Amino acid sequence: QLVESGGGLVHAGGSLRLSCTASGLTLDYYAIGWFRQAPGKEREGVSCIGVKNGTTNIGPTYFADAVKGRFAISRDSAENTVYLQMNSLEPEDTAVYYCAADFRLWPCAKIYDWDYWGQGTQVTVSS
């Protein structure tokens, strides 16, 4: 039900914007998380945004230390899409990126078992 897109091959220092869309889910009603898994490594959280609540989102948005200042997360309610804008990409950002959705009204960084997952999109950053 979740579909990621926007991955690809980019040189170090470049940018990509990943999209997470859904069929059958209205993403405003879900916390959305972005995760990544590099070869031989465990999946790690990258960023998340809480359930939309009026003009804001429940709880603070979260960014992993490794991406703070370089990545941004945002919603487009009209498009039923959540974006992960990735700037100043580094070879260490190379991974499969997944989005996930959860219905709980918690600060998203406290969610540990997400309800829905996408299939992932490959991001490769060359040096």
Foldseek 3Di string as FASTA:
>chain_A
DKAKDFADEEAAQAKIKIKIADDPDQQLQWKKWKWWDDPPGDIDTAKIFARHDVPHHQADIDGDPVQPPFWDWDDDRVRSMIMIIGGRDDQVPWTWMKMFIANDRHRVVPDDDTDDIYPTDTHGYHD
